[in-house]
Protein backbone atom coordinates (compact mmCIF):
# COMPACT_ATOMS: atom_id res chain seq x y z
CA GLY A 1 12.61 -12.11 -21.56
CA LYS A 2 9.92 -14.50 -19.86
CA ALA A 3 9.46 -15.05 -16.29
CA LYS A 4 10.28 -18.59 -14.88
CA SER A 5 6.95 -19.47 -12.96
CA VAL A 6 3.52 -17.11 -12.16
CA THR A 7 1.33 -17.43 -9.13
CA VAL A 8 -1.59 -15.22 -8.62
CA ILE A 9 -3.28 -14.20 -5.64
CA GLY A 10 -6.57 -14.26 -5.13
CA ARG A 11 -8.91 -12.91 -1.87
CA SER A 12 -11.97 -15.31 -3.41
CA GLU A 13 -12.07 -18.82 -4.66
CA VAL A 14 -13.06 -18.05 -8.01
CA PRO A 15 -11.95 -15.05 -9.56
CA PHE A 16 -13.43 -12.42 -11.23
CA ALA A 17 -16.93 -14.35 -10.10
CA ARG A 18 -18.65 -11.24 -8.24
CA LEU A 19 -17.69 -9.22 -11.54
CA LEU A 20 -18.18 -12.02 -14.55
CA GLY A 21 -19.94 -15.03 -12.47
CA PRO A 22 -19.16 -17.73 -11.05
CA GLU A 23 -19.31 -19.84 -15.02
CA ILE A 24 -16.77 -16.95 -16.46
CA GLY A 25 -14.82 -16.69 -13.57
CA LYS A 26 -14.01 -20.58 -13.54
CA ALA A 27 -13.39 -21.16 -16.92
CA ILE A 28 -11.10 -17.97 -16.57
CA LEU A 29 -9.61 -20.08 -13.62
CA LYS A 30 -9.24 -22.98 -16.42
CA MET A 31 -7.24 -21.35 -18.58
CA HIS A 32 -4.71 -20.12 -16.44
CA ILE A 33 -3.84 -23.15 -15.49
CA ASN A 34 -3.59 -24.77 -18.09
CA LYS A 35 -1.25 -21.58 -19.50
CA GLU A 36 0.75 -23.45 -15.83
CA VAL A 37 -0.03 -20.36 -13.50
CA LYS A 38 -0.93 -21.61 -10.02
CA PHE A 39 -3.72 -19.97 -8.32
CA ILE A 40 -4.01 -19.15 -4.40
CA PRO A 41 -7.45 -18.46 -3.66
CA ASN A 42 -9.14 -17.68 -0.58
CA ALA A 43 -5.95 -16.03 0.47
CA LYS A 44 -5.29 -12.79 2.65
CA VAL A 45 -1.73 -10.69 2.13
CA GLU A 46 -0.22 -10.02 5.65
CA ARG A 47 3.02 -8.79 4.47
CA PHE A 48 5.47 -8.11 1.72
CA ASN A 49 9.03 -9.33 2.81
CA GLY A 50 12.25 -7.54 1.00
CA ASP A 51 16.19 -8.43 1.82
CA ASP A 52 18.53 -6.25 3.01
CA ALA A 53 18.93 -3.80 -0.38
CA ASP A 54 14.85 -3.71 0.44
CA GLN A 55 14.45 -6.18 -2.90
CA LEU A 56 11.09 -7.93 -2.88
CA ILE A 57 11.68 -12.20 -1.92
CA GLY A 58 8.35 -12.92 -1.17
CA ILE A 59 4.67 -11.79 0.21
CA THR A 60 3.27 -13.86 3.62
CA LEU A 61 0.54 -14.76 3.02
CA ASN A 62 -2.28 -16.59 5.42
CA GLU A 63 0.61 -18.38 7.60
CA GLN A 64 2.88 -18.92 4.43
CA THR A 65 5.23 -17.52 1.98
CA VAL A 66 4.96 -17.28 -1.36
CA PRO A 67 8.61 -16.34 -2.57
CA ALA A 68 8.43 -13.57 -5.39
CA ASP A 69 10.55 -11.09 -6.85
CA VAL A 70 7.65 -8.90 -8.80
CA CYS A 71 4.54 -8.00 -7.78
CA LEU A 72 1.62 -7.00 -9.94
CA MET A 73 -1.30 -5.83 -7.70
CA ALA A 74 -4.35 -5.27 -8.55
CA THR A 75 -6.79 -3.14 -6.15
CA GLY A 76 -10.41 -5.10 -7.41
CA VAL A 77 -13.96 -3.68 -8.44
CA THR A 78 -15.52 -2.76 -5.54
CA PRO A 79 -16.04 0.34 -5.66
CA THR A 80 -15.63 2.08 -2.41
CA THR A 81 -18.41 5.22 -2.57
CA ASP A 82 -20.79 4.37 0.88
CA PHE A 83 -19.72 7.80 2.32
CA LEU A 84 -21.29 9.31 -0.70
CA LYS A 85 -24.71 7.92 0.29
CA ASP A 86 -26.21 11.37 1.88
CA THR A 87 -23.86 13.46 -0.50
CA GLY A 88 -27.03 13.00 -3.04
CA ILE A 89 -24.30 11.98 -5.44
CA PRO A 90 -26.34 9.44 -7.50
CA LEU A 91 -24.89 5.75 -7.10
CA SER A 92 -25.80 2.67 -9.06
CA ASP A 93 -27.60 -0.03 -7.40
CA SER A 94 -23.86 -1.64 -6.65
CA GLY A 95 -22.84 1.14 -5.58
CA ASN A 96 -20.89 3.44 -9.26
CA ILE A 97 -21.08 6.47 -9.89
CA ALA A 98 -23.24 7.39 -12.92
CA VAL A 99 -20.64 9.60 -14.91
CA ASP A 100 -20.47 10.88 -18.85
CA LYS A 101 -16.99 12.19 -20.07
CA VAL A 102 -16.67 15.13 -21.26
CA GLY A 103 -13.58 17.23 -23.20
CA PRO A 104 -10.61 16.51 -20.52
CA HIS A 105 -12.79 16.47 -17.93
CA ILE A 106 -16.09 13.39 -16.13
CA HIS A 107 -18.72 15.47 -14.88
CA LEU A 108 -21.39 13.04 -12.84
CA ARG A 109 -24.70 12.35 -14.59
């Protein structure tokens, strides 16, 4: 079936601005708003709320609760590789690890 409503909770003002740039982020935001997707920017999720049967009923953020019965969560695209800085593993300026895919394994470049 089709969802009754969709709300996107974002940590930034514009989705994907850091990854794709603010103009593309604004275009993506506009496209979703035109399809009646709600967007809550600059939000920090504080808590997932459940009922007595441990079913999701809402998400608390910025001291407000958004009703929800399903949550799809994306963790972002910022690598957490600071701990590798002094290991000799080469990192790009953005903190990514350069790799080559070879067979069933991934190898560092």
